[in-house]
N, C-alpha and C. Protein backbone atom coordinates (compact mmCIF):
# COMPACT_ATOMS: atom_id res chain seq x y z
N MET A 1 -19.49 10.46 14.62
CA MET A 1 -18.99 10.23 13.17
C MET A 1 -17.60 10.08 13.04
N SER A 2 -17.18 9.19 12.24
CA SER A 2 -16.33 8.01 12.09
C SER A 2 -14.66 8.51 11.68
N ALA A 3 -13.94 8.18 12.41
CA ALA A 3 -12.32 9.25 11.98
C ALA A 3 -11.79 7.95 11.02
N THR A 4 -11.23 8.99 9.88
CA THR A 4 -10.54 8.42 8.95
C THR A 4 -9.18 7.81 8.80
N ARG A 5 -8.52 6.95 8.39
CA ARG A 5 -7.20 6.27 8.77
C ARG A 5 -6.87 7.10 7.34
N HIS A 6 -5.49 7.40 7.60
CA HIS A 6 -4.64 7.57 6.20
C HIS A 6 -3.66 6.98 6.10
N VAL A 7 -3.12 6.25 5.02
CA VAL A 7 -1.64 5.17 5.26
C VAL A 7 -0.68 6.68 4.66
N ARG A 8 -0.02 6.29 5.18
CA ARG A 8 1.38 7.16 4.08
C ARG A 8 2.66 6.46 4.93
N PRO A 9 2.36 6.20 3.11
CA PRO A 9 3.07 5.50 3.61
C PRO A 9 5.16 5.80 2.82
N ASP A 10 5.08 7.12 3.30
CA ASP A 10 6.66 7.44 3.13
C ASP A 10 6.51 7.83 4.92
N VAL A 11 6.36 8.04 5.85
CA VAL A 11 6.11 8.66 7.08
C VAL A 11 7.06 6.81 7.19
N ALA A 12 7.75 6.97 8.16
CA ALA A 12 8.52 6.35 9.55
C ALA A 12 8.65 4.85 9.07
N PHE A 13 8.75 4.64 8.19
CA PHE A 13 10.33 3.28 6.84
C PHE A 13 10.91 4.41 6.34
N ASP A 14 11.81 3.69 6.66
CA ASP A 14 13.03 3.63 5.78
C ASP A 14 14.16 2.89 4.01
N ALA A 15 12.12 2.21 4.80
CA ALA A 15 12.60 0.68 3.01
C ALA A 15 12.33 1.84 1.75
N ASP A 16 12.81 1.35 1.11
CA ASP A 16 12.09 2.20 0.01
C ASP A 16 12.70 1.22 -1.35
N GLU A 17 11.98 1.26 -2.25
CA GLU A 17 11.72 -0.21 -3.54
C GLU A 17 12.58 0.13 -4.21
N SER A 18 13.15 1.34 -4.49
CA SER A 18 14.53 1.71 -5.05
C SER A 18 15.29 0.85 -4.80
N ASP A 19 15.37 0.42 -3.57
CA ASP A 19 16.71 -0.51 -2.11
C ASP A 19 17.27 -1.12 -3.77
N PRO A 20 18.05 -1.52 -4.03
CA PRO A 20 18.91 -2.39 -4.18
C PRO A 20 18.87 -4.13 -3.50
N ILE A 21 19.47 -3.86 -2.39
CA ILE A 21 19.73 -5.08 -1.30
C ILE A 21 18.97 -3.78 0.06
N PRO A 22 17.81 -4.07 0.38
CA PRO A 22 17.57 -3.46 2.01
C PRO A 22 18.01 -4.95 2.88
N SER A 23 18.09 -3.67 4.21
CA SER A 23 17.97 -4.36 5.20
C SER A 23 17.55 -5.18 5.50
N PRO A 24 17.30 -6.23 6.42
CA PRO A 24 16.34 -7.55 6.93
C PRO A 24 14.90 -6.65 7.69
N LEU A 25 15.26 -4.76 8.36
CA LEU A 25 14.68 -4.19 9.27
C LEU A 25 13.91 -3.76 7.68
N ALA A 26 14.69 -2.96 7.35
CA ALA A 26 13.75 -2.09 5.90
C ALA A 26 13.33 -2.87 5.23
N LEU A 27 13.47 -4.29 4.55
CA LEU A 27 12.58 -5.15 3.85
C LEU A 27 11.25 -5.15 4.47
N LEU A 28 11.49 -5.70 6.00
CA LEU A 28 10.09 -5.81 6.85
C LEU A 28 9.43 -4.97 6.83
N ALA A 29 9.70 -3.48 7.09
CA ALA A 29 8.98 -2.34 6.67
C ALA A 29 8.25 -1.85 5.66
N LEU A 30 9.37 -2.40 4.62
CA LEU A 30 8.23 -2.25 3.26
C LEU A 30 6.98 -3.19 3.23
N TRP A 31 7.62 -4.13 3.35
CA TRP A 31 6.38 -5.74 3.45
C TRP A 31 5.28 -5.08 4.16
N ILE A 32 5.06 -4.12 5.80
CA ILE A 32 4.57 -4.31 6.50
C ILE A 32 3.70 -2.55 5.39
N ARG A 33 4.22 -2.41 4.55
CA ARG A 33 3.86 -0.70 4.27
C ARG A 33 3.11 -0.82 3.66
N ARG A 34 3.23 -2.07 2.36
CA ARG A 34 2.06 -2.78 1.24
C ARG A 34 0.86 -3.34 1.19
N VAL A 35 1.48 -4.53 2.73
CA VAL A 35 -0.09 -4.83 3.74
C VAL A 35 -0.82 -3.92 3.96
N ARG A 36 -0.46 -2.27 4.82
CA ARG A 36 -1.33 -2.27 5.15
C ARG A 36 -1.89 -1.12 3.99
N LEU A 37 -0.94 -0.42 2.50
CA LEU A 37 -1.63 0.15 1.93
C LEU A 37 -2.77 -0.35 0.73
N ARG A 38 -2.40 -2.20 0.59
CA ARG A 38 -3.24 -3.27 -0.14
C ARG A 38 -4.84 -2.54 0.83
N ARG A 39 -4.44 -2.97 1.99
CA ARG A 39 -5.26 -3.52 3.23
C ARG A 39 -6.34 -1.95 3.10
N GLU A 40 -6.05 -0.93 2.88
CA GLU A 40 -6.59 0.45 3.03
C GLU A 40 -7.32 0.70 1.21
N LEU A 41 -6.80 0.11 0.09
CA LEU A 41 -6.61 0.36 -0.75
C LEU A 41 -7.99 -0.90 -0.80
N ALA A 42 -8.35 -2.11 -0.05
CA ALA A 42 -9.58 -2.70 -0.40
C ALA A 42 -10.72 -1.98 0.54
N GLY A 43 -10.64 -1.67 1.18
CA GLY A 43 -12.02 -0.94 1.82
C GLY A 43 -12.52 0.21 1.00
N LEU A 44 -11.52 1.09 -0.05
CA LEU A 44 -11.88 1.66 -0.58
C LEU A 44 -13.34 1.28 -1.74
N GLU A 45 -14.07 1.10 -2.25
CA GLU A 45 -15.49 1.57 -2.99
C GLU A 45 -14.98 2.18 -4.46
N ALA A 46 -15.31 1.54 -6.40
CA ALA A 46 -14.66 1.45 -7.14
C ALA A 46 -15.66 3.21 -7.54
N ARG A 47 -16.18 3.90 -7.16
CA ARG A 47 -16.10 5.15 -6.77
C ARG A 47 -15.61 6.17 -6.73
N GLN A 48 -15.42 5.49 -5.26
CA GLN A 48 -14.09 6.63 -4.45
C GLN A 48 -12.80 5.91 -4.86
N LEU A 49 -12.52 4.98 -6.29
CA LEU A 49 -10.99 5.16 -6.46
C LEU A 49 -11.32 5.80 -8.38
N LEU A 50 -12.51 5.58 -8.87
CA LEU A 50 -11.98 6.79 -10.05
C LEU A 50 -12.71 7.99 -9.92
N ASP A 51 -12.75 8.70 -8.81
CA ASP A 51 -12.39 9.51 -7.99
C ASP A 51 -11.42 10.18 -7.39
N VAL A 52 -10.45 9.63 -7.14
CA VAL A 52 -9.23 9.98 -7.14
C VAL A 52 -8.35 9.53 -8.13
N GLY A 53 -9.56 9.11 -9.34
CA GLY A 53 -8.59 8.68 -11.04
C GLY A 53 -7.32 7.73 -10.99
N LEU A 54 -7.99 6.69 -9.99
CA LEU A 54 -7.24 5.59 -9.49
C LEU A 54 -8.23 4.61 -10.17
N ASP A 55 -7.57 2.96 -11.35
CA ASP A 55 -8.41 2.28 -12.15
C ASP A 55 -9.11 1.26 -11.66
N PRO A 56 -10.13 0.95 -10.48
CA PRO A 56 -10.59 -0.30 -9.82
C PRO A 56 -9.92 -1.80 -10.76
N ALA A 57 -9.92 -1.95 -12.02
CA ALA A 57 -9.29 -2.94 -12.00
C ALA A 57 -7.56 -3.22 -11.56
N VAL A 58 -7.46 -2.58 -11.89
CA VAL A 58 -6.05 -1.68 -11.75
C VAL A 58 -5.21 -2.35 -10.17
N ILE A 59 -6.57 -1.71 -9.01
CA ILE A 59 -6.35 -2.06 -7.72
C ILE A 59 -6.53 -3.17 -7.66
N ARG A 60 -7.98 -3.42 -8.17
CA ARG A 60 -7.52 -5.45 -7.35
C ARG A 60 -6.52 -5.92 -7.22
N ARG A 61 -5.49 -6.24 -8.44
CA ARG A 61 -4.64 -6.63 -9.09
C ARG A 61 -3.95 -6.28 -8.40
N GLU A 62 -3.84 -5.16 -7.60
CA GLU A 62 -2.47 -4.73 -7.13
C GLU A 62 -2.42 -5.76 -5.80
N ILE A 63 -4.02 -5.61 -4.78
CA ILE A 63 -4.68 -5.60 -3.39
C ILE A 63 -4.38 -6.94 -3.90
N ALA A 64 -4.54 -8.15 -4.74
CA ALA A 64 -4.52 -9.05 -4.90
C ALA A 64 -2.78 -9.89 -4.69
N LYS A 65 -1.48 -8.75 -5.34
CA LYS A 65 -0.80 -9.73 -4.88
C LYS A 65 0.19 -10.29 -3.60
N PRO A 66 0.86 -10.63 -3.72
CA PRO A 66 1.63 -10.65 -1.75
C PRO A 66 1.93 -10.09 -1.86
N PHE A 67 2.45 -9.80 -0.32
CA PHE A 67 3.13 -8.49 -0.11
C PHE A 67 4.85 -8.58 -0.01
N TRP A 68 5.60 -9.56 -0.17
CA TRP A 68 6.79 -8.99 -0.92
C TRP A 68 6.78 -8.57 -1.93
N ILE A 69 6.31 -9.56 -3.30
CA ILE A 69 5.90 -8.88 -4.27
C ILE A 69 5.37 -6.67 -5.06
N GLY A 70 6.02 -6.13 -5.26
CA GLY A 70 6.10 -5.31 -5.05
C GLY A 70 4.91 -4.92 -5.86
């Protein structure tokens, strides 16, 4: 039995992409959240992305972004 880990970007982070001037700690948390989310998305197959209504081409572009780019 394999354990499935789910990224919950809204939990344990007080960083918000809409925050005009985040604190250094909030900015670090936001960057970590992006890295984790993009890593999780990279582990999904195209079929899985399509199953949840995501376009694999859009996800590939998202995964290719550096962590400091929103």
